[in-house]
Amino acid sequence: MKKLEDYVLTIPDFPEPGIMFRDVTSVIQDPDGFKLAVDTMTELVNDLDFDVVVGAESRGFIFGAPIAYKRFKSFVLIRKKGKLPRETVSRDYALEYGTATIEMHKDSIKPGQKVLIVDDLIATGGTTKAMIELVESLGGVVAGVVVLMELAGLEGRKKIDGYRLDSAIVYPGK
């Protein structure tokens, strides 16, 4: 039986020399890989008490929705600025070459709700920290974060210190 890591293709020198790009599309293109990813991520949070699952555009949707389905929880979208039709709250966060903004509907999290944040990857932690801030700005309580892959060498875990982070795969380098 293949391990989850066996489904991840690594592309050297993409998008620039020295970077080892971990391709999540190779996981979701294979039905066995996709099932193993969702099952593994769900298993990592089986002991966690949460009311709602939040996932960021777009790969957070891919993993968050089936986890919410498996645990019979609601699923909330976090999207890029300007994509949601109702009143939103937003957070800016740093990218390698600039900033970006994410938003969620203002009524998507109720005060006191326990929230599981799901994404495909944590690298530097900027997106994850912004998601945590969005949830907390609405009065939600972050119960934990689960990701498919963690690039430990980029130390994103430090940016969200104090929050539970579960990673299905941990890569030591960048």
Protein backbone atom coordinates (compact mmCIF):
# COMPACT_ATOMS: atom_id res chain seq x y z
CA MET A 1 0.00 0.00 0.00
CA LYS A 2 1.29 3.44 -0.95
CA LYS A 3 1.98 6.10 1.67
CA LEU A 4 0.49 9.56 1.31
CA GLU A 5 3.92 10.98 0.48
CA ASP A 6 4.10 8.65 -2.52
CA TYR A 7 1.26 10.57 -4.20
CA VAL A 8 2.99 13.97 -3.91
CA LEU A 9 5.12 14.88 -6.90
CA THR A 10 8.12 17.08 -6.16
CA ILE A 11 9.17 19.44 -8.91
CA PRO A 12 12.70 20.80 -8.44
CA ASP A 13 13.49 24.45 -9.21
CA PHE A 14 9.86 25.58 -9.49
CA PRO A 15 8.86 28.39 -9.47
CA GLU A 16 12.50 29.41 -9.12
CA PRO A 17 15.90 27.74 -8.70
CA GLY A 18 16.42 26.05 -5.33
CA ILE A 19 12.70 25.55 -4.58
CA MET A 20 11.33 22.02 -4.26
CA PHE A 21 7.66 22.46 -5.22
CA ARG A 22 5.31 19.92 -3.60
CA ASP A 23 2.42 19.39 -6.03
CA VAL A 24 -0.94 18.74 -4.37
CA THR A 25 -2.64 18.13 -7.74
CA SER A 26 -0.90 14.77 -8.04
CA VAL A 27 -2.62 13.71 -4.80
CA ILE A 28 -6.14 14.72 -5.80
CA GLN A 29 -5.86 13.38 -9.35
CA ASP A 30 -5.49 9.86 -8.02
CA PRO A 31 -8.65 8.49 -6.34
CA ASP A 32 -6.60 6.42 -3.89
CA GLY A 33 -4.37 9.40 -3.08
CA PHE A 34 -7.32 11.74 -2.62
CA LYS A 35 -9.15 9.27 -0.37
CA LEU A 36 -6.01 8.66 1.67
CA ALA A 37 -5.42 12.41 2.07
CA VAL A 38 -8.97 13.14 3.26
CA ASP A 39 -9.07 10.06 5.51
CA THR A 40 -5.66 10.88 7.03
CA MET A 41 -6.54 14.53 7.68
CA THR A 42 -9.90 13.52 9.19
CA GLU A 43 -8.20 10.94 11.42
CA LEU A 44 -5.73 13.57 12.67
CA VAL A 45 -8.64 15.59 14.10
CA ASN A 46 -10.89 12.75 15.28
CA ASP A 47 -10.26 13.73 18.92
CA LEU A 48 -10.98 17.41 18.24
CA ASP A 49 -14.28 19.01 19.25
CA PHE A 50 -15.42 21.52 16.62
CA ASP A 51 -18.69 22.88 15.22
CA VAL A 52 -17.71 24.14 11.79
CA VAL A 53 -14.97 23.62 9.20
CA VAL A 54 -13.39 26.59 7.42
CA GLY A 55 -11.35 26.27 4.23
CA ALA A 56 -9.51 28.84 2.16
CA GLU A 57 -9.79 29.21 -1.59
CA SER A 58 -9.18 26.99 -3.39
CA ARG A 59 -7.38 23.94 -2.09
CA GLY A 60 -8.80 24.40 1.40
CA PHE A 61 -12.19 23.78 -0.24
CA ILE A 62 -10.94 20.52 -1.75
CA PHE A 63 -9.95 19.04 1.62
CA GLY A 64 -12.21 20.97 3.98
CA ALA A 65 -15.55 20.09 2.39
CA PRO A 66 -15.09 16.31 2.56
CA ILE A 67 -13.80 16.55 6.14
CA ALA A 68 -16.92 18.56 7.07
CA TYR A 69 -19.08 15.97 5.30
CA LYS A 70 -17.39 13.04 7.08
CA ARG A 71 -17.81 14.73 10.48
CA PHE A 72 -21.34 16.05 9.71
CA LYS A 73 -20.34 19.70 10.17
CA SER A 74 -21.05 22.84 8.20
CA PHE A 75 -18.43 24.21 5.82
CA VAL A 76 -17.51 27.90 5.51
CA LEU A 77 -15.61 29.45 2.62
CA ILE A 78 -12.75 31.91 2.88
CA ARG A 79 -12.25 33.58 -0.48
CA LYS A 80 -10.09 36.13 -2.21
CA LYS A 81 -11.27 39.73 -1.90
CA GLY A 82 -14.37 40.60 -3.89
CA LYS A 83 -15.66 37.06 -4.49
CA LEU A 84 -18.35 36.84 -1.78
CA PRO A 85 -21.77 38.46 -2.38
CA ARG A 86 -22.80 39.49 1.16
CA GLU A 87 -21.22 41.61 3.88
CA THR A 88 -17.72 40.35 4.69
CA VAL A 89 -14.84 40.72 7.11
CA SER A 90 -11.35 40.73 5.65
CA ARG A 91 -7.67 40.34 6.52
CA ASP A 92 -4.58 41.34 4.60
CA TYR A 93 -1.51 39.15 4.77
CA ALA A 94 2.00 39.20 3.38
CA LEU A 95 3.07 37.30 0.31
CA GLU A 96 6.61 36.87 -0.93
CA TYR A 97 6.19 39.84 -3.30
CA GLY A 98 3.35 41.92 -1.87
CA THR A 99 0.11 41.40 0.00
CA ALA A 100 -3.21 39.66 -0.52
CA THR A 101 -6.62 39.91 1.10
CA ILE A 102 -8.98 37.13 2.14
CA GLU A 103 -12.61 37.47 3.20
CA MET A 104 -15.45 35.53 4.70
CA HIS A 105 -19.13 36.34 5.19
CA LYS A 106 -19.74 38.31 8.36
CA ASP A 107 -22.52 35.89 9.40
CA SER A 108 -20.62 32.66 8.67
CA ILE A 109 -19.29 32.07 12.20
CA LYS A 110 -21.33 32.61 15.33
CA PRO A 111 -19.67 33.80 18.56
CA GLY A 112 -18.35 30.86 20.55
CA GLN A 113 -18.42 28.37 17.67
CA LYS A 114 -15.43 26.03 17.65
CA VAL A 115 -13.73 26.09 14.27
CA LEU A 116 -11.43 23.70 12.44
CA ILE A 117 -9.33 25.43 9.77
CA VAL A 118 -8.34 23.22 6.81
CA ASP A 119 -5.83 23.93 4.06
CA ASP A 120 -3.54 22.03 1.74
CA LEU A 121 -0.30 23.58 2.98
CA ILE A 122 1.36 25.65 5.65
CA ALA A 123 4.59 27.27 4.55
CA THR A 124 5.41 30.66 6.10
CA GLY A 125 2.10 30.71 8.01
CA GLY A 126 0.80 34.04 6.69
CA THR A 127 -2.40 32.69 5.16
CA THR A 128 -3.10 30.48 8.17
CA LYS A 129 -2.60 33.37 10.59
CA ALA A 130 -4.96 35.54 8.52
CA MET A 131 -7.60 32.77 8.59
CA ILE A 132 -7.27 32.50 12.37
CA GLU A 133 -7.69 36.28 12.70
CA LEU A 134 -10.82 36.21 10.50
CA VAL A 135 -12.44 33.46 12.56
CA GLU A 136 -11.60 35.20 15.83
CA SER A 137 -12.84 38.58 14.55
CA LEU A 138 -16.30 37.00 14.31
CA GLY A 139 -16.08 35.55 17.83
CA GLY A 140 -15.18 32.03 16.71
CA VAL A 141 -12.76 29.89 18.70
CA VAL A 142 -10.09 28.13 16.66
CA ALA A 143 -10.12 24.51 17.82
CA GLY A 144 -7.31 23.55 15.48
CA VAL A 145 -5.72 23.67 12.06
CA VAL A 146 -5.14 20.65 9.83
CA VAL A 147 -3.12 20.68 6.62
CA LEU A 148 -2.06 18.08 4.11
CA MET A 149 1.54 19.32 3.95
CA GLU A 150 3.80 21.36 6.18
CA LEU A 151 7.03 22.87 4.90
CA ALA A 152 8.74 22.89 8.30
CA GLY A 153 11.85 24.69 7.03
CA LEU A 154 9.76 27.84 6.43
CA GLU A 155 8.68 27.86 10.10
CA GLY A 156 5.01 28.69 9.55
CA ARG A 157 4.19 26.82 12.75
CA LYS A 158 5.91 29.60 14.73
CA LYS A 159 3.53 32.20 13.27
CA ILE A 160 0.55 30.35 14.72
CA ASP A 161 2.14 29.38 18.03
CA GLY A 162 -0.48 28.57 20.64
CA TYR A 163 -2.83 26.89 18.17
CA ARG A 164 -3.05 23.18 17.50
CA LEU A 165 -1.62 22.29 14.08
CA ASP A 166 -1.85 18.79 12.62
CA SER A 167 0.00 17.98 9.39
CA ALA A 168 -0.49 14.80 7.37
CA ILE A 169 2.97 15.18 5.81
CA VAL A 170 5.90 17.22 7.16
CA TYR A 171 8.72 18.14 4.81
CA PRO A 172 11.84 19.36 6.65
CA GLY A 173 13.09 21.71 3.91
CA LYS A 174 11.61 24.60 2.02
